[in-house]
Amino acid sequence: MFLVTGGAGFIGSNLVAALEAKGAEVAVCDRLGHDDKWRNLAKRELADLFSPERLADWLKGRKLDGIYHMGAISTTTETDADLILSQNFSASLDLWNWCTEAKVPLVYASSAATYGDGAAGFDDDQSPEALARLQPLNAYGWSKHLFDRRAVRLAAAGHRPPRWAGLKFFNVYGPNEYHKGSQLSVAWQIHQRVKAGEPARLFKSYEPKYPDGGQLRDFVWVGDCVDVALWAGEHSSGIFNVGSGEARSFADLAKAVFRASNREPQITFVDMPEAMRDRYQYFTRSNPEKLRRAGYARPFTQLEDGVGRYVRDYLIKQDPYL
């Protein structure tokens, strides 16, 4: 049996579906809340589903094949740092210790937000010296970075699960993200405007180097994230970037959504909120070399292919859930 924390969430529910497709028994630890988040699991057959408050008791005496720890407060605008620290650092450390004692592999979600504005690069060098140079821009990114640093120190000291991996997800898009509110992918947001017959709205640029809509991101299809997570749980240990390895513009993304919807692209540019301007990332691109050296050989999905699949197989369907 596998446990997926945050298994009702975006990447987590995609992982649950993939594990089920492999014939595995899967238990999920998550909060469903009062919206339609439960629909992310509506098609799954689960061994158990329980709240995070029950996790410690649930783990007592369990024999598991692996834990995929996707549960976290992932809202980059959350300002309660104590709450973020409790969920993203302390709870993660508890699972690390349990997996170490129980000898159970652990794969956990880190984030590209650990890289901050990218001034120190996007190499997934896990040496303490390299990690110390990174400066996240918000409490969410800092909490993930703090746990990465602790995991590396503990692993070096020999206190580690039999296999462990921290995955630095870049800009993920795909099915089952619909509960994420303000954190929904730009692909989803643009498609809503396409459906309404309206132009896409992208931020103006406040850096001369980048044209309006030319801000660059590493957009990664959620299915690729799942494939890397499953591979890491079976084959390797360490901190790895999970991204396409390409930096594409928001304008490219918008055009891909329009074309997948059989419409000519229409884009307007709007002012970026002042509160965002000093903390805005103009460029992200994962370096996949470490992942490749570790043995992950599958190609990543091209932006146009992933967006096309997202639109045609999910967003235009009456039932858009995986």
C-alpha atoms as a PDB file:
ATOM      1  CA  MET A   1       0.000   0.000   0.000  1.00  0.00           C
ATOM      2  CA  PHE A   2       1.084   3.549  -0.794  1.00  0.00           C
ATOM      3  CA  LEU A   3       0.143   6.695   1.084  1.00  0.00           C
ATOM      4  CA  VAL A   4      -0.334   9.981  -0.776  1.00  0.00           C
ATOM      5  CA  THR A   5      -0.610  13.033   1.448  1.00  0.00           C
ATOM      6  CA  GLY A   6      -2.387  15.873  -0.290  1.00  0.00           C
ATOM      7  CA  GLY A   7      -3.870  13.134  -2.457  1.00  0.00           C
ATOM      8  CA  ALA A   8      -7.044  15.100  -3.172  1.00  0.00           C
ATOM      9  CA  GLY A   9      -5.005  18.014  -4.497  1.00  0.00           C
ATOM     10  CA  PHE A  10      -3.734  18.727  -7.983  1.00  0.00           C
ATOM     11  CA  ILE A  11      -0.521  16.719  -8.386  1.00  0.00           C
ATOM     12  CA  GLY A  12      -1.533  14.388  -5.564  1.00  0.00           C
ATOM     13  CA  SER A  13      -4.763  13.228  -7.226  1.00  0.00           C
ATOM     14  CA  ASN A  14      -2.923  12.642 -10.500  1.00  0.00           C
ATOM     15  CA  LEU A  15      -0.452  10.501  -8.555  1.00  0.00           C
ATOM     16  CA  VAL A  16      -3.272   8.546  -6.934  1.00  0.00           C
ATOM     17  CA  ALA A  17      -4.757   7.816 -10.367  1.00  0.00           C
ATOM     18  CA  ALA A  18      -1.384   6.625 -11.689  1.00  0.00           C
ATOM     19  CA  LEU A  19      -0.763   4.368  -8.699  1.00  0.00           C
ATOM     20  CA  GLU A  20      -4.248   2.895  -9.019  1.00  0.00           C
ATOM     21  CA  ALA A  21      -3.624   2.264 -12.726  1.00  0.00           C
ATOM     22  CA  LYS A  22      -0.518   0.277 -11.742  1.00  0.00           C
ATOM     23  CA  GLY A  23      -2.680  -1.949  -9.528  1.00  0.00           C
ATOM     24  CA  ALA A  24      -1.487  -0.522  -6.220  1.00  0.00           C
ATOM     25  CA  GLU A  25      -3.568  -0.006  -3.107  1.00  0.00           C
ATOM     26  CA  VAL A  26      -3.614   3.690  -2.217  1.00  0.00           C
ATOM     27  CA  ALA A  27      -4.561   5.572   0.939  1.00  0.00           C
ATOM     28  CA  VAL A  28      -5.025   9.348   0.907  1.00  0.00           C
ATOM     29  CA  CYS A  29      -4.450  11.882   3.666  1.00  0.00           C
ATOM     30  CA  ASP A  30      -6.037  15.249   2.915  1.00  0.00           C
ATOM     31  CA  ARG A  31      -8.723  17.775   3.737  1.00  0.00           C
ATOM     32  CA  LEU A  32     -11.598  17.999   1.273  1.00  0.00           C
ATOM     33  CA  GLY A  33     -13.164  21.229   2.540  1.00  0.00           C
ATOM     34  CA  HIS A  34     -16.465  22.646   1.328  1.00  0.00           C
ATOM     35  CA  ASP A  35     -15.856  22.943  -2.431  1.00  0.00           C
ATOM     36  CA  ASP A  36     -15.602  20.346  -5.211  1.00  0.00           C
ATOM     37  CA  LYS A  37     -12.132  19.115  -4.316  1.00  0.00           C
ATOM     38  CA  TRP A  38     -13.666  15.696  -3.583  1.00  0.00           C
ATOM     39  CA  ARG A  39     -14.271  15.303  -7.321  1.00  0.00           C
ATOM     40  CA  ASN A  40     -10.517  14.870  -7.810  1.00  0.00           C
ATOM     41  CA  LEU A  41     -10.906  11.457  -6.144  1.00  0.00           C
ATOM     42  CA  ALA A  42     -14.443  10.586  -7.243  1.00  0.00           C
ATOM     43  CA  LYS A  43     -13.252   8.003  -9.808  1.00  0.00           C
ATOM     44  CA  ARG A  44     -10.686   6.363  -7.566  1.00  0.00           C
ATOM     45  CA  GLU A  45     -10.906   3.221  -5.453  1.00  0.00           C
ATOM     46  CA  LEU A  46      -9.135   4.027  -2.181  1.00  0.00           C
ATOM     47  CA  ALA A  47      -7.905   1.842   0.647  1.00  0.00           C
ATOM     48  CA  ASP A  48      -8.494   4.730   3.070  1.00  0.00           C
ATOM     49  CA  LEU A  49      -9.145   8.466   3.149  1.00  0.00           C
ATOM     50  CA  PHE A  50      -8.526  10.463   6.304  1.00  0.00           C
ATOM     51  CA  SER A  51      -7.657  13.925   7.599  1.00  0.00           C
ATOM     52  CA  PRO A  52      -4.139  15.127   8.485  1.00  0.00           C
ATOM     53  CA  GLU A  53      -5.090  15.185  12.176  1.00  0.00           C
ATOM     54  CA  ARG A  54      -5.299  11.392  12.060  1.00  0.00           C
ATOM     55  CA  LEU A  55      -1.993  10.839  10.274  1.00  0.00           C
ATOM     56  CA  ALA A  56       0.227  10.049  13.269  1.00  0.00           C
ATOM     57  CA  ASP A  57      -2.205   7.479  14.647  1.00  0.00           C
ATOM     58  CA  TRP A  58      -2.880   6.013  11.211  1.00  0.00           C
ATOM     59  CA  LEU A  59       0.841   5.376  10.639  1.00  0.00           C
ATOM     60  CA  LYS A  60       1.338   3.406  13.859  1.00  0.00           C
ATOM     61  CA  GLY A  61       2.272  -0.155  13.023  1.00  0.00           C
ATOM     62  CA  ARG A  62       1.749   0.314   9.279  1.00  0.00           C
ATOM     63  CA  LYS A  63       3.787  -1.446   6.626  1.00  0.00           C
ATOM     64  CA  LEU A  64       3.838   0.708   3.498  1.00  0.00           C
ATOM     65  CA  ASP A  65       5.495   0.422   0.099  1.00  0.00           C
ATOM     66  CA  GLY A  66       6.098   4.158  -0.058  1.00  0.00           C
ATOM     67  CA  ILE A  67       4.850   7.625   0.832  1.00  0.00           C
ATOM     68  CA  TYR A  68       4.314  10.446  -1.653  1.00  0.00           C
ATOM     69  CA  HIS A  69       4.127  13.609   0.423  1.00  0.00           C
ATOM     70  CA  MET A  70       2.343  16.187  -1.719  1.00  0.00           C
ATOM     71  CA  GLY A  71       0.410  17.807   1.135  1.00  0.00           C
ATOM     72  CA  ALA A  72       1.335  21.430   1.842  1.00  0.00           C
ATOM     73  CA  ILE A  73       0.108  24.969   2.059  1.00  0.00           C
ATOM     74  CA  SER A  74       1.000  25.944  -1.493  1.00  0.00           C
ATOM     75  CA  THR A  75      -0.506  29.422  -1.693  1.00  0.00           C
ATOM     76  CA  THR A  76       2.359  31.787  -2.382  1.00  0.00           C
ATOM     77  CA  THR A  77       0.343  34.707  -0.963  1.00  0.00           C
ATOM     78  CA  GLU A  78      -0.321  33.075   2.429  1.00  0.00           C
ATOM     79  CA  THR A  79       1.024  35.404   5.138  1.00  0.00           C
ATOM     80  CA  ASP A  80       0.657  33.214   8.264  1.00  0.00           C
ATOM     81  CA  ALA A  81       4.264  32.035   8.431  1.00  0.00           C
ATOM     82  CA  ASP A  82       3.649  29.981  11.579  1.00  0.00           C
ATOM     83  CA  LEU A  83       0.922  28.014   9.814  1.00  0.00           C
ATOM     84  CA  ILE A  84       3.107  27.525   6.737  1.00  0.00           C
ATOM     85  CA  LEU A  85       6.016  26.334   8.855  1.00  0.00           C
ATOM     86  CA  SER A  86       3.831  23.865  10.747  1.00  0.00           C
ATOM     87  CA  GLN A  87       2.439  22.301   7.582  1.00  0.00           C
ATOM     88  CA  ASN A  88       5.362  22.529   5.179  1.00  0.00           C
ATOM     89  CA  PHE A  89       8.323  21.954   7.483  1.00  0.00           C
ATOM     90  CA  SER A  90       7.318  20.320  10.762  1.00  0.00           C
ATOM     91  CA  ALA A  91       4.836  17.850   9.254  1.00  0.00           C
ATOM     92  CA  SER A  92       7.356  16.960   6.545  1.00  0.00           C
ATOM     93  CA  LEU A  93      10.052  16.350   9.144  1.00  0.00           C
ATOM     94  CA  ASP A  94       7.709  14.041  11.060  1.00  0.00           C
ATOM     95  CA  LEU A  95       7.170  11.969   7.923  1.00  0.00           C
ATOM     96  CA  TRP A  96      10.901  11.904   7.188  1.00  0.00           C
ATOM     97  CA  ASN A  97      11.576  10.521  10.665  1.00  0.00           C
ATOM     98  CA  TRP A  98       8.788   7.938  10.373  1.00  0.00           C
ATOM     99  CA  CYS A  99       9.998   6.742   6.972  1.00  0.00           C
ATOM    100  CA  THR A 100      13.555   6.518   8.274  1.00  0.00           C
ATOM    101  CA  GLU A 101      12.534   4.339  11.222  1.00  0.00           C
ATOM    102  CA  ALA A 102      10.071   2.238   9.206  1.00  0.00           C
ATOM    103  CA  LYS A 103      12.440   1.951   6.215  1.00  0.00           C
ATOM    104  CA  VAL A 104       9.847   3.265   3.777  1.00  0.00           C
ATOM    105  CA  PRO A 105      10.744   5.296   0.638  1.00  0.00           C
ATOM    106  CA  LEU A 106       9.656   8.949   0.730  1.00  0.00           C
ATOM    107  CA  VAL A 107       9.069  11.293  -2.219  1.00  0.00           C
ATOM    108  CA  TYR A 108       8.074  14.826  -1.271  1.00  0.00           C
ATOM    109  CA  ALA A 109       7.063  17.962  -3.121  1.00  0.00           C
ATOM    110  CA  SER A 110       9.563  20.787  -3.043  1.00  0.00           C
ATOM    111  CA  SER A 111       9.143  23.744  -5.395  1.00  0.00           C
ATOM    112  CA  ALA A 112      10.847  25.975  -7.922  1.00  0.00           C
ATOM    113  CA  ALA A 113       9.831  28.785  -5.547  1.00  0.00           C
ATOM    114  CA  THR A 114      12.942  27.839  -3.556  1.00  0.00           C
ATOM    115  CA  TYR A 115      15.013  29.525  -6.298  1.00  0.00           C
ATOM    116  CA  GLY A 116      13.585  32.970  -5.598  1.00  0.00           C
ATOM    117  CA  ASP A 117      14.207  35.424  -8.429  1.00  0.00           C
ATOM    118  CA  GLY A 118      16.636  33.005 -10.077  1.00  0.00           C
ATOM    119  CA  ALA A 119      19.704  35.160  -9.433  1.00  0.00           C
ATOM    120  CA  ALA A 120      21.514  32.081  -8.068  1.00  0.00           C
ATOM    121  CA  GLY A 121      20.419  29.950 -11.016  1.00  0.00           C
ATOM    122  CA  PHE A 122      18.102  26.961 -11.275  1.00  0.00           C
ATOM    123  CA  ASP A 123      20.532  24.093 -10.767  1.00  0.00           C
ATOM    124  CA  ASP A 124      19.326  21.414  -8.340  1.00  0.00           C
ATOM    125  CA  ASP A 125      22.704  21.243  -6.606  1.00  0.00           C
ATOM    126  CA  GLN A 126      21.921  19.834  -3.175  1.00  0.00           C
ATOM    127  CA  SER A 127      25.221  20.669  -1.519  1.00  0.00           C
ATOM    128  CA  PRO A 128      24.686  22.695   1.663  1.00  0.00           C
ATOM    129  CA  GLU A 129      26.756  25.517   0.173  1.00  0.00           C
ATOM    130  CA  ALA A 130      24.634  25.730  -2.990  1.00  0.00           C
ATOM    131  CA  LEU A 131      21.368  25.555  -1.066  1.00  0.00           C
ATOM    132  CA  ALA A 132      22.548  28.333   1.253  1.00  0.00           C
ATOM    133  CA  ARG A 133      22.859  30.690  -1.733  1.00  0.00           C
ATOM    134  CA  LEU A 134      19.166  30.452  -2.640  1.00  0.00           C
ATOM    135  CA  GLN A 135      16.849  33.228  -1.466  1.00  0.00           C
ATOM    136  CA  PRO A 136      13.123  32.436  -1.803  1.00  0.00           C
ATOM    137  CA  LEU A 137      10.809  35.416  -2.249  1.00  0.00           C
ATOM    138  CA  ASN A 138       7.909  34.295  -0.054  1.00  0.00           C
ATOM    139  CA  ALA A 139       7.167  32.234   3.042  1.00  0.00           C
ATOM    140  CA  TYR A 140       5.934  29.280   0.987  1.00  0.00           C
ATOM    141  CA  GLY A 141       9.194  29.056  -0.964  1.00  0.00           C
ATOM    142  CA  TRP A 142      11.219  29.531   2.215  1.00  0.00           C
ATOM    143  CA  SER A 143       9.373  26.711   4.013  1.00  0.00           C
ATOM    144  CA  LYS A 144      10.101  24.307   1.159  1.00  0.00           C
ATOM    145  CA  HIS A 145      13.713  25.450   1.045  1.00  0.00           C
ATOM    146  CA  LEU A 146      14.082  25.020   4.793  1.00  0.00           C
ATOM    147  CA  PHE A 147      12.976  21.398   4.551  1.00  0.00           C
ATOM    148  CA  ASP A 148      15.242  20.714   1.555  1.00  0.00           C
ATOM    149  CA  ARG A 149      18.201  21.921   3.596  1.00  0.00           C
ATOM    150  CA  ARG A 150      17.221  19.823   6.597  1.00  0.00           C
ATOM    151  CA  ALA A 151      16.645  16.710   4.485  1.00  0.00           C
ATOM    152  CA  VAL A 152      20.092  17.021   2.908  1.00  0.00           C
ATOM    153  CA  ARG A 153      21.760  17.405   6.304  1.00  0.00           C
ATOM    154  CA  LEU A 154      19.898  14.436   7.775  1.00  0.00           C
ATOM    155  CA  ALA A 155      20.629  12.256   4.748  1.00  0.00           C
ATOM    156  CA  ALA A 156      24.336  13.093   4.918  1.00  0.00           C
ATOM    157  CA  ALA A 157      24.339  12.088   8.577  1.00  0.00           C
ATOM    158  CA  GLY A 158      22.805   8.706   7.720  1.00  0.00           C
ATOM    159  CA  HIS A 159      19.344   9.473   9.107  1.00  0.00           C
ATOM    160  CA  ARG A 160      17.304   8.918   5.954  1.00  0.00           C
ATOM    161  CA  PRO A 161      14.678   6.697   4.349  1.00  0.00           C
ATOM    162  CA  PRO A 162      15.969   3.864   2.137  1.00  0.00           C
ATOM    163  CA  ARG A 163      15.124   6.074  -0.869  1.00  0.00           C
ATOM    164  CA  TRP A 164      14.109   9.706  -0.769  1.00  0.00           C
ATOM    165  CA  ALA A 165      13.529  12.458  -3.282  1.00  0.00           C
ATOM    166  CA  GLY A 166      12.582  16.118  -3.080  1.00  0.00           C
ATOM    167  CA  LEU A 167      11.001  17.258  -6.344  1.00  0.00           C
ATOM    168  CA  LYS A 168      11.248  20.926  -7.313  1.00  0.00           C
ATOM    169  CA  PHE A 169       8.131  21.322  -9.438  1.00  0.00           C
ATOM    170  CA  PHE A 170       8.098  24.257 -11.836  1.00  0.00           C
ATOM    171  CA  ASN A 171       4.897  25.735 -13.395  1.00  0.00           C
ATOM    172  CA  VAL A 172       2.593  22.721 -13.496  1.00  0.00           C
ATOM    173  CA  TYR A 173      -0.649  22.617 -15.493  1.00  0.00           C
ATOM    174  CA  GLY A 174      -3.212  19.907 -16.180  1.00  0.00           C
ATOM    175  CA  PRO A 175      -6.444  18.266 -14.968  1.00  0.00           C
ATOM    176  CA  ASN A 176      -7.703  18.344 -11.372  1.00  0.00           C
ATOM    177  CA  GLU A 177      -6.344  21.790 -10.541  1.00  0.00           C
ATOM    178  CA  TYR A 178      -9.823  23.338 -10.530  1.00  0.00           C
ATOM    179  CA  HIS A 179     -10.053  23.834  -6.754  1.00  0.00           C
ATOM    180  CA  LYS A 180      -6.946  26.027  -6.566  1.00  0.00           C
ATOM    181  CA  GLY A 181      -8.620  29.428  -6.791  1.00  0.00           C
ATOM    182  CA  SER A 182      -6.084  32.197  -7.318  1.00  0.00           C
ATOM    183  CA  GLN A 183      -3.344  29.572  -7.822  1.00  0.00           C
ATOM    184  CA  LEU A 184      -4.959  28.044 -10.921  1.00  0.00           C
ATOM    185  CA  SER A 185      -2.558  27.713 -13.835  1.00  0.00           C
ATOM    186  CA  VAL A 186      -2.503  30.466 -16.430  1.00  0.00           C
ATOM    187  CA  ALA A 187      -3.466  27.818 -19.007  1.00  0.00           C
ATOM    188  CA  TRP A 188      -6.778  27.263 -17.213  1.00  0.00           C
ATOM    189  CA  GLN A 189      -7.345  30.998 -16.754  1.00  0.00           C
ATOM    190  CA  ILE A 190      -6.773  31.731 -20.429  1.00  0.00           C
ATOM    191  CA  HIS A 191      -9.118  28.934 -21.468  1.00  0.00           C
ATOM    192  CA  GLN A 192     -11.928  30.474 -19.434  1.00  0.00           C
ATOM    193  CA  ARG A 193     -11.577  33.663 -21.459  1.00  0.00           C
ATOM    194  CA  VAL A 194     -11.390  31.728 -24.712  1.00  0.00           C
ATOM    195  CA  LYS A 195     -14.675  29.991 -23.834  1.00  0.00           C
ATOM    196  CA  ALA A 196     -16.247  33.372 -23.135  1.00  0.00           C
ATOM    197  CA  GLY A 197     -15.085  34.711 -26.504  1.00  0.00           C
ATOM    198  CA  GLU A 198     -12.711  37.183 -24.843  1.00  0.00           C
ATOM    199  CA  PRO A 199      -9.016  37.893 -25.425  1.00  0.00           C
ATOM    200  CA  ALA A 200      -6.389  36.507 -23.057  1.00  0.00           C
ATOM    201  CA  ARG A 201      -5.127  39.025 -20.514  1.00  0.00           C
ATOM    202  CA  LEU A 202      -1.411  38.977 -19.744  1.00  0.00           C
ATOM    203  CA  PHE A 203       0.700  41.254 -17.580  1.00  0.00           C
ATOM    204  CA  LYS A 204       2.664  44.094 -19.038  1.00  0.00           C
ATOM    205  CA  SER A 205       6.399  43.843 -18.508  1.00  0.00           C
ATOM    206  CA  TYR A 206       8.273  46.204 -16.190  1.00  0.00           C
ATOM    207  CA  GLU A 207      11.689  44.941 -17.253  1.00  0.00           C
ATOM    208  CA  PRO A 208      13.083  46.292 -20.551  1.00  0.00           C
ATOM    209  CA  LYS A 209      14.605  42.889 -21.321  1.00  0.00           C
ATOM    210  CA  TYR A 210      11.170  41.298 -21.648  1.00  0.00           C
ATOM    211  CA  PRO A 211       8.323  42.451 -23.908  1.00  0.00           C
ATOM    212  CA  ASP A 212       4.741  42.476 -22.658  1.00  0.00           C
ATOM    213  CA  GLY A 213       3.687  38.839 -22.356  1.00  0.00           C
ATOM    214  CA  GLY A 214       7.296  37.825 -22.896  1.00  0.00           C
ATOM    215  CA  GLN A 215       7.974  36.849 -19.299  1.00  0.00           C
ATOM    216  CA  LEU A 216       9.343  33.305 -19.380  1.00  0.00           C
ATOM    217  CA  ARG A 217       8.368  30.214 -17.406  1.00  0.00           C
ATOM    218  CA  ASP A 218       9.137  26.518 -17.422  1.00  0.00           C
ATOM    219  CA  PHE A 219       5.639  25.109 -17.969  1.00  0.00           C
ATOM    220  CA  VAL A 220       5.393  21.385 -17.182  1.00  0.00           C
ATOM    221  CA  TRP A 221       2.564  18.937 -17.893  1.00  0.00           C
ATOM    222  CA  VAL A 222       1.285  17.287 -14.707  1.00  0.00           C
ATOM    223  CA  GLY A 223       1.636  13.825 -16.241  1.00  0.00           C
ATOM    224  CA  ASP A 224       5.387  14.378 -16.495  1.00  0.00           C
ATOM    225  CA  CYS A 225       5.495  15.313 -12.804  1.00  0.00           C
ATOM    226  CA  VAL A 226       3.723  12.068 -11.938  1.00  0.00           C
ATOM    227  CA  ASP A 227       6.099  10.025 -14.081  1.00  0.00           C
ATOM    228  CA  VAL A 228       9.139  11.543 -12.357  1.00  0.00           C
ATOM    229  CA  ALA A 229       7.626  10.989  -8.899  1.00  0.00           C
ATOM    230  CA  LEU A 230       6.913   7.317  -9.589  1.00  0.00           C
ATOM    231  CA  TRP A 231      10.384   6.838 -11.042  1.00  0.00           C
ATOM    232  CA  ALA A 232      12.053   8.546  -8.071  1.00  0.00           C
ATOM    233  CA  GLY A 233      10.144   6.386  -5.598  1.00  0.00           C
ATOM    234  CA  GLU A 234      11.657   3.289  -7.162  1.00  0.00           C
ATOM    235  CA  HIS A 235      15.083   4.304  -8.409  1.00  0.00           C
ATOM    236  CA  SER A 236      16.873   7.267  -6.886  1.00  0.00           C
ATOM    237  CA  SER A 237      17.516   9.627  -3.992  1.00  0.00           C
ATOM    238  CA  GLY A 238      18.197  13.352  -3.911  1.00  0.00           C
ATOM    239  CA  ILE A 239      16.717  16.708  -4.837  1.00  0.00           C
ATOM    240  CA  PHE A 240      15.659  17.025  -8.456  1.00  0.00           C
ATOM    241  CA  ASN A 241      14.200  19.686 -10.714  1.00  0.00           C
ATOM    242  CA  VAL A 242      10.947  18.678 -12.399  1.00  0.00           C
ATOM    243  CA  GLY A 243      10.327  20.868 -15.401  1.00  0.00           C
ATOM    244  CA  SER A 244      10.395  20.721 -19.171  1.00  0.00           C
ATOM    245  CA  GLY A 245      13.852  22.277 -19.339  1.00  0.00           C
ATOM    246  CA  GLU A 246      12.499  24.997 -21.642  1.00  0.00           C
ATOM    247  CA  ALA A 247      11.579  28.594 -20.887  1.00  0.00           C
ATOM    248  CA  ARG A 248       8.477  29.624 -22.818  1.00  0.00           C
ATOM    249  CA  SER A 249       6.639  32.925 -22.755  1.00  0.00           C
ATOM    250  CA  PHE A 250       3.145  33.540 -21.460  1.00  0.00           C
ATOM    251  CA  ALA A 251       2.351  34.710 -24.982  1.00  0.00           C
ATOM    252  CA  ASP A 252       3.382  31.260 -26.269  1.00  0.00           C
ATOM    253  CA  LEU A 253       1.101  29.672 -23.689  1.00  0.00           C
ATOM    254  CA  ALA A 254      -1.834  31.878 -24.662  1.00  0.00           C
ATOM    255  CA  LYS A 255      -1.379  31.103 -28.352  1.00  0.00           C
ATOM    256  CA  ALA A 256      -1.269  27.372 -27.593  1.00  0.00           C
ATOM    257  CA  VAL A 257      -4.565  27.558 -25.677  1.00  0.00           C
ATOM    258  CA  PHE A 258      -6.271  29.496 -28.483  1.00  0.00           C
ATOM    259  CA  ARG A 259      -5.044  27.131 -31.179  1.00  0.00           C
ATOM    260  CA  ALA A 260      -6.069  24.050 -29.180  1.00  0.00           C
ATOM    261  CA  SER A 261      -9.502  25.677 -29.005  1.00  0.00           C
ATOM    262  CA  ASN A 262      -9.519  26.271 -32.799  1.00  0.00           C
ATOM    263  CA  ARG A 263      -9.437  30.044 -32.397  1.00  0.00           C
ATOM    264  CA  GLU A 264      -7.047  32.706 -33.591  1.00  0.00           C
ATOM    265  CA  PRO A 265      -5.001  34.128 -30.685  1.00  0.00           C
ATOM    266  CA  GLN A 266      -6.187  37.402 -29.158  1.00  0.00           C
ATOM    267  CA  ILE A 267      -4.122  38.933 -26.348  1.00  0.00           C
ATOM    268  CA  THR A 268      -4.427  42.163 -24.377  1.00  0.00           C
ATOM    269  CA  PHE A 269      -1.958  43.401 -21.790  1.00  0.00           C
ATOM    270  CA  VAL A 270      -2.885  44.728 -18.358  1.00  0.00           C
ATOM    271  CA  ASP A 271      -0.982  46.445 -15.558  1.00  0.00           C
ATOM    272  CA  MET A 272       0.668  44.178 -13.023  1.00  0.00           C
ATOM    273  CA  PRO A 273      -0.507  44.906  -9.445  1.00  0.00           C
ATOM    274  CA  GLU A 274       2.059  47.095  -7.718  1.00  0.00           C
ATOM    275  CA  ALA A 275       2.364  44.645  -4.824  1.00  0.00           C
ATOM    276  CA  MET A 276       3.685  42.002  -7.232  1.00  0.00           C
ATOM    277  CA  ARG A 277       6.196  44.056  -9.159  1.00  0.00           C
ATOM    278  CA  ASP A 278       9.123  43.795  -6.745  1.00  0.00           C
ATOM    279  CA  ARG A 279       8.660  40.042  -6.260  1.00  0.00           C
ATOM    280  CA  TYR A 280       7.829  38.952  -9.778  1.00  0.00           C
ATOM    281  CA  GLN A 281       9.856  36.214 -11.471  1.00  0.00           C
ATOM    282  CA  TYR A 282      10.563  37.139 -15.080  1.00  0.00           C
ATOM    283  CA  PHE A 283      12.382  33.921 -15.905  1.00  0.00           C
ATOM    284  CA  THR A 284      12.358  30.301 -14.744  1.00  0.00           C
ATOM    285  CA  ARG A 285      13.873  27.277 -16.475  1.00  0.00           C
ATOM    286  CA  SER A 286      14.717  23.998 -14.847  1.00  0.00           C
ATOM    287  CA  ASN A 287      18.038  22.316 -15.455  1.00  0.00           C
ATOM    288  CA  PRO A 288      17.190  18.618 -16.004  1.00  0.00           C
ATOM    289  CA  GLU A 289      20.780  17.356 -16.256  1.00  0.00           C
ATOM    290  CA  LYS A 290      20.912  15.904 -12.734  1.00  0.00           C
ATOM    291  CA  LEU A 291      17.657  14.016 -13.287  1.00  0.00           C
ATOM    292  CA  ARG A 292      18.995  12.641 -16.564  1.00  0.00           C
ATOM    293  CA  ARG A 293      22.278  11.587 -14.970  1.00  0.00           C
ATOM    294  CA  ALA A 294      20.318   9.737 -12.293  1.00  0.00           C
ATOM    295  CA  GLY A 295      18.663   7.659 -15.016  1.00  0.00           C
ATOM    296  CA  TYR A 296      15.323   9.307 -15.846  1.00  0.00           C
ATOM    297  CA  ALA A 297      15.135   9.005 -19.628  1.00  0.00           C
ATOM    298  CA  ARG A 298      11.554   9.843 -20.658  1.00  0.00           C
ATOM    299  CA  PRO A 299      11.121  13.021 -22.731  1.00  0.00           C
ATOM    300  CA  PHE A 300       9.093  15.901 -21.302  1.00  0.00           C
ATOM    301  CA  THR A 301       5.909  16.997 -23.028  1.00  0.00           C
ATOM    302  CA  GLN A 302       6.200  20.002 -25.339  1.00  0.00           C
ATOM    303  CA  LEU A 303       4.047  22.992 -24.353  1.00  0.00           C
ATOM    304  CA  GLU A 304       1.790  22.848 -27.422  1.00  0.00           C
ATOM    305  CA  ASP A 305       1.241  19.097 -26.971  1.00  0.00           C
ATOM    306  CA  GLY A 306       0.461  19.360 -23.270  1.00  0.00           C
ATOM    307  CA  VAL A 307      -1.855  22.333 -23.658  1.00  0.00           C
ATOM    308  CA  GLY A 308      -3.606  20.624 -26.554  1.00  0.00           C
ATOM    309  CA  ARG A 309      -4.187  17.523 -24.460  1.00  0.00           C
ATOM    310  CA  TYR A 310      -5.387  19.583 -21.503  1.00  0.00           C
ATOM    311  CA  VAL A 311      -7.907  21.497 -23.603  1.00  0.00           C
ATOM    312  CA  ARG A 312      -9.192  18.655 -25.780  1.00  0.00           C
ATOM    313  CA  ASP A 313      -9.212  15.810 -23.241  1.00  0.00           C
ATOM    314  CA  TYR A 314     -10.368  17.743 -20.182  1.00  0.00           C
ATOM    315  CA  LEU A 315     -11.305  21.415 -20.348  1.00  0.00           C
ATOM    316  CA  ILE A 316     -13.872  21.131 -23.141  1.00  0.00           C
ATOM    317  CA  LYS A 317     -15.431  17.983 -21.678  1.00  0.00           C
ATOM    318  CA  GLN A 318     -18.564  17.968 -19.555  1.00  0.00           C
ATOM    319  CA  ASP A 319     -16.523  16.049 -16.979  1.00  0.00           C
ATOM    320  CA  PRO A 320     -13.056  17.666 -16.902  1.00  0.00           C
ATOM    321  CA  TYR A 321     -11.683  15.432 -14.116  1.00  0.00           C
ATOM    322  CA  LEU A 322      -9.039  12.751 -14.459  1.00  0.00           C
END
